[in-house]
PDB file of N, CA and C in Angstrom:
ATOM      1  N   MET A   1      -6.819  -7.016  10.222  1.00  0.00           N
ATOM      2  CA  MET A   1      -7.447  -6.847   8.940  1.00  0.00           C
ATOM      3  C   MET A   1      -6.458  -7.298   7.859  1.00  0.00           C
ATOM      4  N   ILE A   2      -6.971  -8.035   6.903  1.00  0.00           N
ATOM      5  CA  ILE A   2      -6.146  -8.542   5.813  1.00  0.00           C
ATOM      6  C   ILE A   2      -6.378  -7.690   4.576  1.00  0.00           C
ATOM      7  N   ARG A   3      -5.307  -7.251   3.953  1.00  0.00           N
ATOM      8  CA  ARG A   3      -5.371  -6.493   2.704  1.00  0.00           C
ATOM      9  C   ARG A   3      -4.917  -7.396   1.567  1.00  0.00           C
ATOM     10  N   LYS A   4      -5.487  -7.202   0.387  1.00  0.00           N
ATOM     11  CA  LYS A   4      -5.165  -8.039  -0.760  1.00  0.00           C
ATOM     12  C   LYS A   4      -4.391  -7.243  -1.805  1.00  0.00           C
ATOM     13  N   SER A   5      -3.494  -7.925  -2.487  1.00  0.00           N
ATOM     14  CA  SER A   5      -2.770  -7.342  -3.606  1.00  0.00           C
ATOM     15  C   SER A   5      -2.650  -8.409  -4.689  1.00  0.00           C
ATOM     16  N   THR A   6      -2.765  -7.997  -5.932  1.00  0.00           N
ATOM     17  CA  THR A   6      -2.607  -8.926  -7.046  1.00  0.00           C
ATOM     18  C   THR A   6      -1.118  -9.068  -7.340  1.00  0.00           C
ATOM     19  N   ILE A   7      -0.642 -10.300  -7.315  1.00  0.00           N
ATOM     20  CA  ILE A   7       0.769 -10.588  -7.572  1.00  0.00           C
ATOM     21  C   ILE A   7       0.876 -11.379  -8.869  1.00  0.00           C
ATOM     22  N   VAL A   8       1.755 -10.933  -9.740  1.00  0.00           N
ATOM     23  CA  VAL A   8       2.032 -11.646 -10.988  1.00  0.00           C
ATOM     24  C   VAL A   8       3.458 -12.150 -10.913  1.00  0.00           C
ATOM     25  N   ILE A   9       3.629 -13.455 -11.181  1.00  0.00           N
ATOM     26  CA  ILE A   9       4.964 -14.050 -11.168  1.00  0.00           C
ATOM     27  C   ILE A   9       5.283 -14.543 -12.571  1.00  0.00           C
ATOM     28  N   ASN A  10       6.389 -14.045 -13.123  1.00  0.00           N
ATOM     29  CA  ASN A  10       6.855 -14.441 -14.451  1.00  0.00           C
ATOM     30  C   ASN A  10       8.250 -15.035 -14.340  1.00  0.00           C
ATOM     31  N   LYS A  11       8.551 -15.984 -15.203  1.00  0.00           N
ATOM     32  CA  LYS A  11       9.903 -16.523 -15.263  1.00  0.00           C
ATOM     33  C   LYS A  11      10.721 -15.648 -16.198  1.00  0.00           C
ATOM     34  N   GLU A  12      11.831 -15.141 -15.688  1.00  0.00           N
ATOM     35  CA  GLU A  12      12.734 -14.308 -16.473  1.00  0.00           C
ATOM     36  C   GLU A  12      14.133 -14.901 -16.341  1.00  0.00           C
ATOM     37  N   GLY A  13      14.556 -15.622 -17.369  1.00  0.00           N
ATOM     38  CA  GLY A  13      15.843 -16.317 -17.293  1.00  0.00           C
ATOM     39  C   GLY A  13      15.765 -17.434 -16.278  1.00  0.00           C
ATOM     40  N   ARG A  14      16.678 -17.426 -15.335  1.00  0.00           N
ATOM     41  CA  ARG A  14      16.695 -18.457 -14.273  1.00  0.00           C
ATOM     42  C   ARG A  14      15.852 -18.072 -13.061  1.00  0.00           C
ATOM     43  N   TRP A  15      15.315 -16.877 -13.049  1.00  0.00           N
ATOM     44  CA  TRP A  15      14.610 -16.358 -11.881  1.00  0.00           C
ATOM     45  C   TRP A  15      13.119 -16.231 -12.142  1.00  0.00           C
ATOM     46  N   TYR A  16      12.351 -16.319 -11.058  1.00  0.00           N
ATOM     47  CA  TYR A  16      10.930 -15.997 -11.074  1.00  0.00           C
ATOM     48  C   TYR A  16      10.795 -14.609 -10.450  1.00  0.00           C
ATOM     49  N   VAL A  17      10.182 -13.694 -11.177  1.00  0.00           N
ATOM     50  CA  VAL A  17      10.037 -12.316 -10.719  1.00  0.00           C
ATOM     51  C   VAL A  17       8.577 -12.085 -10.336  1.00  0.00           C
ATOM     52  N   ALA A  18       8.365 -11.616  -9.113  1.00  0.00           N
ATOM     53  CA  ALA A  18       7.023 -11.372  -8.581  1.00  0.00           C
ATOM     54  C   ALA A  18       6.795  -9.866  -8.487  1.00  0.00           C
ATOM     55  N   ARG A  19       5.633  -9.400  -8.979  1.00  0.00           N
ATOM     56  CA  ARG A  19       5.296  -7.979  -8.961  1.00  0.00           C
ATOM     57  C   ARG A  19       3.913  -7.774  -8.349  1.00  0.00           C
ATOM     58  N   SER A  20       3.802  -6.776  -7.492  1.00  0.00           N
ATOM     59  CA  SER A  20       2.500  -6.349  -6.980  1.00  0.00           C
ATOM     60  C   SER A  20       1.932  -5.343  -7.970  1.00  0.00           C
ATOM     61  N   ILE A  21       0.797  -5.665  -8.562  1.00  0.00           N
ATOM     62  CA  ILE A  21       0.185  -4.788  -9.553  1.00  0.00           C
ATOM     63  C   ILE A  21      -0.209  -3.449  -8.928  1.00  0.00           C
ATOM     64  N   GLU A  22      -0.816  -3.477  -7.754  1.00  0.00           N
ATOM     65  CA  GLU A  22      -1.326  -2.253  -7.136  1.00  0.00           C
ATOM     66  C   GLU A  22      -0.223  -1.344  -6.604  1.00  0.00           C
ATOM     67  N   LEU A  23       0.846  -1.911  -6.070  1.00  0.00           N
ATOM     68  CA  LEU A  23       1.860  -1.103  -5.396  1.00  0.00           C
ATOM     69  C   LEU A  23       3.173  -0.980  -6.157  1.00  0.00           C
ATOM     70  N   GLY A  24       3.398  -1.822  -7.159  1.00  0.00           N
ATOM     71  CA  GLY A  24       4.638  -1.747  -7.919  1.00  0.00           C
ATOM     72  C   GLY A  24       5.850  -2.347  -7.221  1.00  0.00           C
ATOM     73  N   VAL A  25       5.630  -3.063  -6.129  1.00  0.00           N
ATOM     74  CA  VAL A  25       6.729  -3.718  -5.418  1.00  0.00           C
ATOM     75  C   VAL A  25       7.148  -4.956  -6.198  1.00  0.00           C
ATOM     76  N   VAL A  26       8.467  -5.181  -6.301  1.00  0.00           N
ATOM     77  CA  VAL A  26       9.000  -6.296  -7.081  1.00  0.00           C
ATOM     78  C   VAL A  26       9.977  -7.081  -6.221  1.00  0.00           C
ATOM     79  N   SER A  27       9.975  -8.407  -6.396  1.00  0.00           N
ATOM     80  CA  SER A  27      10.941  -9.281  -5.744  1.00  0.00           C
ATOM     81  C   SER A  27      11.190 -10.460  -6.674  1.00  0.00           C
ATOM     82  N   GLN A  28      12.061 -11.363  -6.269  1.00  0.00           N
ATOM     83  CA  GLN A  28      12.377 -12.512  -7.118  1.00  0.00           C
ATOM     84  C   GLN A  28      12.765 -13.713  -6.272  1.00  0.00           C
ATOM     85  N   GLY A  29      12.851 -14.857  -6.924  1.00  0.00           N
ATOM     86  CA  GLY A  29      13.274 -16.090  -6.268  1.00  0.00           C
ATOM     87  C   GLY A  29      13.649 -17.117  -7.315  1.00  0.00           C
ATOM     88  N   ARG A  30      14.362 -18.153  -6.895  1.00  0.00           N
ATOM     89  CA  ARG A  30      14.771 -19.208  -7.830  1.00  0.00           C
ATOM     90  C   ARG A  30      13.625 -20.167  -8.147  1.00  0.00           C
ATOM     91  N   THR A  31      12.582 -20.183  -7.289  1.00  0.00           N
ATOM     92  CA  THR A  31      11.386 -20.985  -7.523  1.00  0.00           C
ATOM     93  C   THR A  31      10.169 -20.082  -7.370  1.00  0.00           C
ATOM     94  N   ILE A  32       9.020 -20.552  -7.835  1.00  0.00           N
ATOM     95  CA  ILE A  32       7.786 -19.783  -7.665  1.00  0.00           C
ATOM     96  C   ILE A  32       7.491 -19.584  -6.182  1.00  0.00           C
ATOM     97  N   GLU A  33       7.694 -20.636  -5.403  1.00  0.00           N
ATOM     98  CA  GLU A  33       7.417 -20.559  -3.967  1.00  0.00           C
ATOM     99  C   GLU A  33       8.321 -19.531  -3.291  1.00  0.00           C
ATOM    100  N   GLU A  34       9.606 -19.525  -3.654  1.00  0.00           N
ATOM    101  CA  GLU A  34      10.542 -18.571  -3.066  1.00  0.00           C
ATOM    102  C   GLU A  34      10.183 -17.144  -3.476  1.00  0.00           C
ATOM    103  N   ALA A  35       9.809 -16.956  -4.736  1.00  0.00           N
ATOM    104  CA  ALA A  35       9.395 -15.627  -5.198  1.00  0.00           C
ATOM    105  C   ALA A  35       8.158 -15.168  -4.422  1.00  0.00           C
ATOM    106  N   GLY A  36       7.216 -16.080  -4.163  1.00  0.00           N
ATOM    107  CA  GLY A  36       6.026 -15.752  -3.384  1.00  0.00           C
ATOM    108  C   GLY A  36       6.360 -15.332  -1.963  1.00  0.00           C
ATOM    109  N   ARG A  37       7.259 -16.078  -1.328  1.00  0.00           N
ATOM    110  CA  ARG A  37       7.675 -15.711   0.038  1.00  0.00           C
ATOM    111  C   ARG A  37       8.398 -14.364   0.050  1.00  0.00           C
ATOM    112  N   ASN A  38       9.254 -14.157  -0.946  1.00  0.00           N
ATOM    113  CA  ASN A  38      10.029 -12.916  -0.993  1.00  0.00           C
ATOM    114  C   ASN A  38       9.155 -11.700  -1.264  1.00  0.00           C
ATOM    115  N   ILE A  39       8.138 -11.826  -2.136  1.00  0.00           N
ATOM    116  CA  ILE A  39       7.267 -10.681  -2.399  1.00  0.00           C
ATOM    117  C   ILE A  39       6.413 -10.368  -1.174  1.00  0.00           C
ATOM    118  N   LYS A  40       6.015 -11.388  -0.444  1.00  0.00           N
ATOM    119  CA  LYS A  40       5.241 -11.158   0.785  1.00  0.00           C
ATOM    120  C   LYS A  40       6.080 -10.348   1.779  1.00  0.00           C
ATOM    121  N   GLU A  41       7.330 -10.746   1.961  1.00  0.00           N
ATOM    122  CA  GLU A  41       8.213 -10.023   2.874  1.00  0.00           C
ATOM    123  C   GLU A  41       8.458  -8.590   2.373  1.00  0.00           C
ATOM    124  N   ALA A  42       8.683  -8.440   1.067  1.00  0.00           N
ATOM    125  CA  ALA A  42       8.923  -7.109   0.496  1.00  0.00           C
ATOM    126  C   ALA A  42       7.706  -6.207   0.688  1.00  0.00           C
ATOM    127  N   LEU A  43       6.502  -6.753   0.502  1.00  0.00           N
ATOM    128  CA  LEU A  43       5.286  -5.965   0.700  1.00  0.00           C
ATOM    129  C   LEU A  43       5.112  -5.554   2.156  1.00  0.00           C
ATOM    130  N   GLU A  44       5.397  -6.480   3.072  1.00  0.00           N
ATOM    131  CA  GLU A  44       5.284  -6.152   4.494  1.00  0.00           C
ATOM    132  C   GLU A  44       6.223  -5.009   4.856  1.00  0.00           C
ATOM    133  N   LEU A  45       7.455  -5.055   4.360  1.00  0.00           N
ATOM    134  CA  LEU A  45       8.427  -3.997   4.654  1.00  0.00           C
ATOM    135  C   LEU A  45       8.015  -2.676   3.993  1.00  0.00           C
ATOM    136  N   TYR A  46       7.534  -2.749   2.774  1.00  0.00           N
ATOM    137  CA  TYR A  46       7.102  -1.552   2.066  1.00  0.00           C
ATOM    138  C   TYR A  46       5.937  -0.876   2.792  1.00  0.00           C
ATOM    139  N   LEU A  47       4.938  -1.676   3.179  1.00  0.00           N
ATOM    140  CA  LEU A  47       3.770  -1.110   3.846  1.00  0.00           C
ATOM    141  C   LEU A  47       4.087  -0.617   5.249  1.00  0.00           C
ATOM    142  N   GLU A  48       5.092  -1.213   5.876  1.00  0.00           N
ATOM    143  CA  GLU A  48       5.541  -0.740   7.189  1.00  0.00           C
ATOM    144  C   GLU A  48       6.115   0.673   7.049  1.00  0.00           C
ATOM    145  N   ASP A  49       6.812   0.916   5.946  1.00  0.00           N
ATOM    146  CA  ASP A  49       7.443   2.210   5.700  1.00  0.00           C
ATOM    147  C   ASP A  49       6.474   3.221   5.096  1.00  0.00           C
ATOM    148  N   GLN A  50       5.429   2.739   4.407  1.00  0.00           N
ATOM    149  CA  GLN A  50       4.449   3.586   3.720  1.00  0.00           C
ATOM    150  C   GLN A  50       3.033   3.238   4.192  1.00  0.00           C
ATOM    151  N   PRO A  51       2.694   3.495   5.449  1.00  0.00           N
ATOM    152  CA  PRO A  51       1.398   3.040   5.974  1.00  0.00           C
ATOM    153  C   PRO A  51       0.188   3.583   5.218  1.00  0.00           C
ATOM    154  N   GLY A  52       0.290   4.749   4.597  1.00  0.00           N
ATOM    155  CA  GLY A  52      -0.830   5.311   3.851  1.00  0.00           C
ATOM    156  C   GLY A  52      -1.182   4.502   2.618  1.00  0.00           C
ATOM    157  N   LYS A  53      -0.252   3.705   2.102  1.00  0.00           N
ATOM    158  CA  LYS A  53      -0.490   2.901   0.908  1.00  0.00           C
ATOM    159  C   LYS A  53      -1.481   1.773   1.178  1.00  0.00           C
ATOM    160  N   LYS A  54      -1.648   1.372   2.435  1.00  0.00           N
ATOM    161  CA  LYS A  54      -2.589   0.302   2.771  1.00  0.00           C
ATOM    162  C   LYS A  54      -4.005   0.660   2.344  1.00  0.00           C
ATOM    163  N   LYS A  55      -4.319   1.954   2.314  1.00  0.00           N
ATOM    164  CA  LYS A  55      -5.653   2.395   1.929  1.00  0.00           C
ATOM    165  C   LYS A  55      -5.966   2.048   0.478  1.00  0.00           C
ATOM    166  N   ASN A  56      -4.931   1.861  -0.344  1.00  0.00           N
ATOM    167  CA  ASN A  56      -5.123   1.560  -1.760  1.00  0.00           C
ATOM    168  C   ASN A  56      -5.440   0.096  -2.018  1.00  0.00           C
ATOM    169  N   LEU A  57      -5.323  -0.737  -1.004  1.00  0.00           N
ATOM    170  CA  LEU A  57      -5.537  -2.173  -1.175  1.00  0.00           C
ATOM    171  C   LEU A  57      -6.902  -2.583  -0.657  1.00  0.00           C
ATOM    172  N   PRO A  58      -7.612  -3.447  -1.387  1.00  0.00           N
ATOM    173  CA  PRO A  58      -8.915  -3.914  -0.911  1.00  0.00           C
ATOM    174  C   PRO A  58      -8.774  -4.827   0.296  1.00  0.00           C
ATOM    175  N   VAL A  59      -9.799  -4.845   1.129  1.00  0.00           N
ATOM    176  CA  VAL A  59      -9.839  -5.740   2.286  1.00  0.00           C
ATOM    177  C   VAL A  59     -10.389  -7.079   1.827  1.00  0.00           C
ATOM    178  N   GLY A  60      -9.837  -8.168   2.341  1.00  0.00           N
ATOM    179  CA  GLY A  60     -10.342  -9.484   1.969  1.00  0.00           C
ATOM    180  C   GLY A  60      -9.558 -10.595   2.622  1.00  0.00           C
ATOM    181  N   THR A  61      -9.805 -11.789   2.170  1.00  0.00           N
ATOM    182  CA  THR A  61      -9.100 -12.947   2.685  1.00  0.00           C
ATOM    183  C   THR A  61      -7.971 -13.307   1.727  1.00  0.00           C
ATOM    184  N   PRO A  62      -6.861 -13.871   2.229  1.00  0.00           N
ATOM    185  CA  PRO A  62      -5.767 -14.230   1.346  1.00  0.00           C
ATOM    186  C   PRO A  62      -6.201 -15.302   0.357  1.00  0.00           C
ATOM    187  N   HIS A  63      -5.715 -15.188  -0.847  1.00  0.00           N
ATOM    188  CA  HIS A  63      -6.065 -16.158  -1.877  1.00  0.00           C
ATOM    189  C   HIS A  63      -4.921 -16.238  -2.887  1.00  0.00           C
ATOM    190  N   ILE A  64      -4.547 -17.427  -3.230  1.00  0.00           N
ATOM    191  CA  ILE A  64      -3.533 -17.634  -4.254  1.00  0.00           C
ATOM    192  C   ILE A  64      -4.181 -18.446  -5.358  1.00  0.00           C
ATOM    193  N   SER A  65      -4.031 -17.993  -6.581  1.00  0.00           N
ATOM    194  CA  SER A  65      -4.524 -18.797  -7.688  1.00  0.00           C
ATOM    195  C   SER A  65      -3.401 -18.948  -8.704  1.00  0.00           C
ATOM    196  N   TRP A  66      -3.328 -20.095  -9.299  1.00  0.00           N
ATOM    197  CA  TRP A  66      -2.277 -20.403 -10.264  1.00  0.00           C
ATOM    198  C   TRP A  66      -2.902 -20.562 -11.624  1.00  0.00           C
ATOM    199  N   LEU A  67      -2.237 -20.040 -12.617  1.00  0.00           N
ATOM    200  CA  LEU A  67      -2.679 -20.180 -13.989  1.00  0.00           C
ATOM    201  C   LEU A  67      -1.573 -20.890 -14.755  1.00  0.00           C
ATOM    202  N   ASP A  68      -1.855 -22.090 -15.183  1.00  0.00           N
ATOM    203  CA  ASP A  68      -0.878 -22.859 -15.966  1.00  0.00           C
ATOM    204  C   ASP A  68      -1.148 -22.635 -17.438  1.00  0.00           C
ATOM    205  N   LEU A  69      -0.147 -22.213 -18.148  1.00  0.00           N
ATOM    206  CA  LEU A  69      -0.288 -22.004 -19.585  1.00  0.00           C
ATOM    207  C   LEU A  69       0.480 -23.060 -20.344  1.00  0.00           C
TER     208      LEU A  69
END
C-alpha cells in the first residue's frame, strides 16, 4: 500500500529544504532532486520508528508536481 504526503521544497541559502506537511519531517539537499531523495529516506525511517503515524497519511499513488514561480 502506498501512502501519500505533501512535500514542500524551498531554497534556503545554498540548500533546498524539504518538509512533509502532514508529519513535520524535514530534510535537505544541495539540489531539488537530492532534497527529494533525502526526504523520502527520512520519511521511511520516521515511519519505520512511528508505525502509527501511517494512519494519518492518505492512501494513493505517488505523484510529484512542480510549481515554477
